[in-house]
C-alpha atoms as a PDB file:
ATOM      1  CA  MET A   1      94.450  99.573 113.606  1.00  0.00           C
ATOM      2  CA  ASN A   2      97.720  97.820 114.422  1.00  0.00           C
ATOM      3  CA  THR A   3     100.215 100.523 115.290  1.00  0.00           C
ATOM      4  CA  TYR A   4     103.171  98.150 115.361  1.00  0.00           C
ATOM      5  CA  PHE A   5     102.555  97.067 111.763  1.00  0.00           C
ATOM      6  CA  LEU A   6     101.899 100.676 110.702  1.00  0.00           C
ATOM      7  CA  VAL A   7     105.245 101.819 112.175  1.00  0.00           C
ATOM      8  CA  ALA A   8     106.981  98.783 110.597  1.00  0.00           C
ATOM      9  CA  GLY A   9     105.527  99.606 107.216  1.00  0.00           C
ATOM     10  CA  ILE A  10     106.490 103.298 107.437  1.00  0.00           C
ATOM     11  CA  LEU A  11     110.062 102.280 108.473  1.00  0.00           C
ATOM     12  CA  CYS A  12     110.215 100.090 105.323  1.00  0.00           C
ATOM     13  CA  PHE A  13     109.533 103.135 103.244  1.00  0.00           C
ATOM     14  CA  VAL A  14     112.009 105.288 105.136  1.00  0.00           C
ATOM     15  CA  LEU A  15     114.703 102.673 104.979  1.00  0.00           C
ATOM     16  CA  GLY A  16     114.156 102.204 101.215  1.00  0.00           C
ATOM     17  CA  LEU A  17     114.284 105.916 100.563  1.00  0.00           C
ATOM     18  CA  GLY A  18     117.416 106.348 102.623  1.00  0.00           C
ATOM     19  CA  HIS A  19     118.981 103.336 100.968  1.00  0.00           C
ATOM     20  CA  SER A  20     118.440 104.645  97.425  1.00  0.00           C
ATOM     21  CA  ILE A  21     119.437 108.286  98.204  1.00  0.00           C
ATOM     22  CA  LEU A  22     122.533 107.343 100.184  1.00  0.00           C
ATOM     23  CA  GLY A  23     123.566 104.740  97.677  1.00  0.00           C
ATOM     24  CA  GLU A  24     123.354 107.213  94.862  1.00  0.00           C
ATOM     25  CA  TYR A  25     125.397 109.752  96.773  1.00  0.00           C
ATOM     26  CA  LEU A  26     127.950 107.560  98.481  1.00  0.00           C
ATOM     27  CA  ILE A  27     128.455 104.755  95.921  1.00  0.00           C
ATOM     28  CA  PHE A  28     127.249 105.583  92.438  1.00  0.00           C
ATOM     29  CA  LYS A  29     127.822 109.346  92.165  1.00  0.00           C
ATOM     30  CA  GLU A  30     131.430 109.020  91.077  1.00  0.00           C
ATOM     31  CA  LYS A  31     130.678 106.118  88.747  1.00  0.00           C
ATOM     32  CA  ARG A  32     128.319 108.051  86.513  1.00  0.00           C
ATOM     33  CA  ASN A  33     129.199 110.004  83.368  1.00  0.00           C
ATOM     34  CA  LYS A  34     127.786 113.529  83.393  1.00  0.00           C
ATOM     35  CA  GLY A  35     124.169 113.610  82.377  1.00  0.00           C
ATOM     36  CA  GLN A  36     123.586 109.868  82.597  1.00  0.00           C
ATOM     37  CA  LEU A  37     121.205 108.088  84.939  1.00  0.00           C
ATOM     38  CA  ILE A  38     122.916 104.722  85.050  1.00  0.00           C
ATOM     39  CA  PRO A  39     126.564 104.567  86.183  1.00  0.00           C
ATOM     40  CA  SER A  40     129.053 103.165  83.696  1.00  0.00           C
ATOM     41  CA  LYS A  41     132.506 104.195  84.977  1.00  0.00           C
ATOM     42  CA  THR A  42     134.201 101.010  86.126  1.00  0.00           C
ATOM     43  CA  GLY A  43     137.294 100.358  88.192  1.00  0.00           C
ATOM     44  CA  THR A  44     139.764  97.509  88.331  1.00  0.00           C
ATOM     45  CA  GLY A  45     138.112  94.156  87.754  1.00  0.00           C
ATOM     46  CA  LEU A  46     134.584  95.417  87.319  1.00  0.00           C
ATOM     47  CA  LYS A  47     132.947  95.400  83.908  1.00  0.00           C
ATOM     48  CA  GLU A  48     130.366  97.984  82.951  1.00  0.00           C
ATOM     49  CA  ARG A  49     127.549  95.445  82.699  1.00  0.00           C
ATOM     50  CA  HIS A  50     128.356  94.320  86.256  1.00  0.00           C
ATOM     51  CA  LEU A  51     128.234  97.841  87.581  1.00  0.00           C
ATOM     52  CA  ARG A  52     124.911  98.432  85.850  1.00  0.00           C
ATOM     53  CA  ILE A  53     123.347  95.296  87.363  1.00  0.00           C
ATOM     54  CA  ILE A  54     124.722  96.245  90.814  1.00  0.00           C
ATOM     55  CA  TRP A  55     123.063  99.671  90.424  1.00  0.00           C
ATOM     56  CA  ALA A  56     119.748  98.091  89.325  1.00  0.00           C
ATOM     57  CA  THR A  57     119.855  95.536  92.148  1.00  0.00           C
ATOM     58  CA  TRP A  58     120.630  98.289  94.658  1.00  0.00           C
ATOM     59  CA  HIS A  59     117.426 100.082  93.713  1.00  0.00           C
ATOM     60  CA  LEU A  60     115.409  96.841  93.444  1.00  0.00           C
ATOM     61  CA  THR A  61     116.127  96.379  97.136  1.00  0.00           C
ATOM     62  CA  SER A  62     114.465  99.687  97.847  1.00  0.00           C
ATOM     63  CA  LEU A  63     111.456  98.813  95.653  1.00  0.00           C
ATOM     64  CA  PHE A  64     111.003  95.434  97.385  1.00  0.00           C
ATOM     65  CA  GLY A  65     111.209  97.199 100.745  1.00  0.00           C
ATOM     66  CA  TRP A  66     108.490  99.650  99.621  1.00  0.00           C
ATOM     67  CA  CYS A  67     106.344  96.806  98.497  1.00  0.00           C
ATOM     68  CA  ILE A  68     106.650  95.096 101.907  1.00  0.00           C
ATOM     69  CA  GLY A  69     105.961  98.471 103.544  1.00  0.00           C
ATOM     70  CA  ALA A  70     102.777  98.962 101.492  1.00  0.00           C
ATOM     71  CA  LEU A  71     101.573  95.542 102.491  1.00  0.00           C
ATOM     72  CA  LEU A  72     102.242  96.207 106.132  1.00  0.00           C
ATOM     73  CA  VAL A  73     100.528  99.554 106.107  1.00  0.00           C
ATOM     74  CA  LYS A  74      97.471  98.067 104.363  1.00  0.00           C
ATOM     75  CA  ILE A  75      97.372  95.194 106.874  1.00  0.00           C
ATOM     76  CA  ALA A  76      97.805  97.633 109.761  1.00  0.00           C
ATOM     77  CA  ILE A  77      94.819  99.677 108.639  1.00  0.00           C
ATOM     78  CA  GLU A  78      92.633  96.708 107.838  1.00  0.00           C
ATOM     79  CA  LYS A  79      93.837  94.248 110.520  1.00  0.00           C
ATOM     80  CA  ASN A  80      90.797  94.541 112.837  1.00  0.00           C
ATOM     81  CA  ARG A  81      88.294  94.120 110.037  1.00  0.00           C
ATOM     82  CA  GLN A  82      89.737  91.017 108.516  1.00  0.00           C
ATOM     83  CA  VAL A  83      92.205  88.458 109.817  1.00  0.00           C
ATOM     84  CA  THR A  84      92.921  85.728 107.328  1.00  0.00           C
ATOM     85  CA  GLU A  85      95.464  83.025 106.725  1.00  0.00           C
ATOM     86  CA  LEU A  86      96.900  85.036 103.919  1.00  0.00           C
ATOM     87  CA  THR A  87      97.404  88.123 106.152  1.00  0.00           C
ATOM     88  CA  ASP A  88      99.119  85.947 108.774  1.00  0.00           C
ATOM     89  CA  PHE A  89     101.314  84.442 106.044  1.00  0.00           C
ATOM     90  CA  LEU A  90     102.296  87.875 104.703  1.00  0.00           C
ATOM     91  CA  ILE A  91     103.141  89.111 108.200  1.00  0.00           C
ATOM     92  CA  THR A  92     105.179  86.006 108.993  1.00  0.00           C
ATOM     93  CA  SER A  93     107.024  86.206 105.695  1.00  0.00           C
ATOM     94  CA  ALA A  94     107.878  89.904 106.216  1.00  0.00           C
ATOM     95  CA  ARG A  95     108.967  89.178 109.791  1.00  0.00           C
ATOM     96  CA  TYR A  96     111.362  86.408 108.776  1.00  0.00           C
ATOM     97  CA  THR A  97     112.587  88.454 105.778  1.00  0.00           C
ATOM     98  CA  MET A  98     113.448  91.405 107.988  1.00  0.00           C
ATOM     99  CA  LEU A  99     115.073  89.371 110.758  1.00  0.00           C
ATOM    100  CA  THR A 100     117.114  87.312 108.353  1.00  0.00           C
ATOM    101  CA  SER A 101     118.158  90.449 106.388  1.00  0.00           C
ATOM    102  CA  SER A 102     119.209  92.057 109.618  1.00  0.00           C
ATOM    103  CA  ILE A 103     121.505  89.128 110.454  1.00  0.00           C
ATOM    104  CA  LEU A 104     122.892  89.089 106.946  1.00  0.00           C
ATOM    105  CA  VAL A 105     123.766  92.831 106.980  1.00  0.00           C
ATOM    106  CA  LEU A 106     125.137  92.568 110.536  1.00  0.00           C
ATOM    107  CA  VAL A 107     127.425  89.689 109.659  1.00  0.00           C
ATOM    108  CA  ALA A 108     128.421  90.933 106.178  1.00  0.00           C
ATOM    109  CA  THR A 109     129.381  94.412 107.401  1.00  0.00           C
ATOM    110  CA  LYS A 110     130.666  93.369 110.863  1.00  0.00           C
ATOM    111  CA  GLY A 111     127.971  95.655 112.325  1.00  0.00           C
ATOM    112  CA  LYS A 112     129.251  98.770 110.650  1.00  0.00           C
ATOM    113  CA  HIS A 113     126.263  99.371 108.385  1.00  0.00           C
ATOM    114  CA  PRO A 114     123.306 100.784 110.389  1.00  0.00           C
ATOM    115  CA  GLY A 115     120.711  99.138 108.155  1.00  0.00           C
ATOM    116  CA  TRP A 116     120.812  95.993 110.237  1.00  0.00           C
ATOM    117  CA  VAL A 117     119.434  97.888 113.246  1.00  0.00           C
ATOM    118  CA  VAL A 118     116.466  99.185 111.288  1.00  0.00           C
ATOM    119  CA  LEU A 119     115.782  95.731 109.755  1.00  0.00           C
ATOM    120  CA  LEU A 120     115.890  94.181 113.217  1.00  0.00           C
ATOM    121  CA  PHE A 121     113.556  96.820 114.625  1.00  0.00           C
ATOM    122  CA  ILE A 122     111.046  96.217 111.822  1.00  0.00           C
ATOM    123  CA  GLY A 123     111.217  92.464 112.501  1.00  0.00           C
ATOM    124  CA  LEU A 124     110.724  92.986 116.255  1.00  0.00           C
ATOM    125  CA  LEU A 125     107.724  95.260 115.569  1.00  0.00           C
ATOM    126  CA  LEU A 126     106.188  92.488 113.498  1.00  0.00           C
ATOM    127  CA  ILE A 127     106.693  90.005 116.348  1.00  0.00           C
ATOM    128  CA  ILE A 128     105.225  92.397 118.965  1.00  0.00           C
ATOM    129  CA  GLY A 129     102.321  93.442 116.664  1.00  0.00           C
ATOM    130  CA  LYS A 130     101.343  89.830 116.103  1.00  0.00           C
ATOM    131  CA  THR A 131     100.539  89.223 119.763  1.00  0.00           C
END
């Protein structure tokens, strides 16, 4: 078993869970009418349909992170039994996705959003685990 990939995969799940929960609490809570799942209260310059797609995209990010996490956990568990070009491609893709995402969040938030650190750590685990 590849422990680095396993930890990276688990961190993807934790990051996605934290992302969705904190987003709901810190961003979308006040934008929702009582009893509704999808926020629809808009502010200046933001239409309801835009808010709704921002909400959906927010949670898609978590779902995509969980998908990458599931792939990494599966690869971590099966890694010693089967190394293929596809596995290497998946790991490389996940590595570059996490490292690039880390830079994007770092630059976009001027380092104030802690997600960039977790994304960087996942990317580094994928580099270390590859060797």
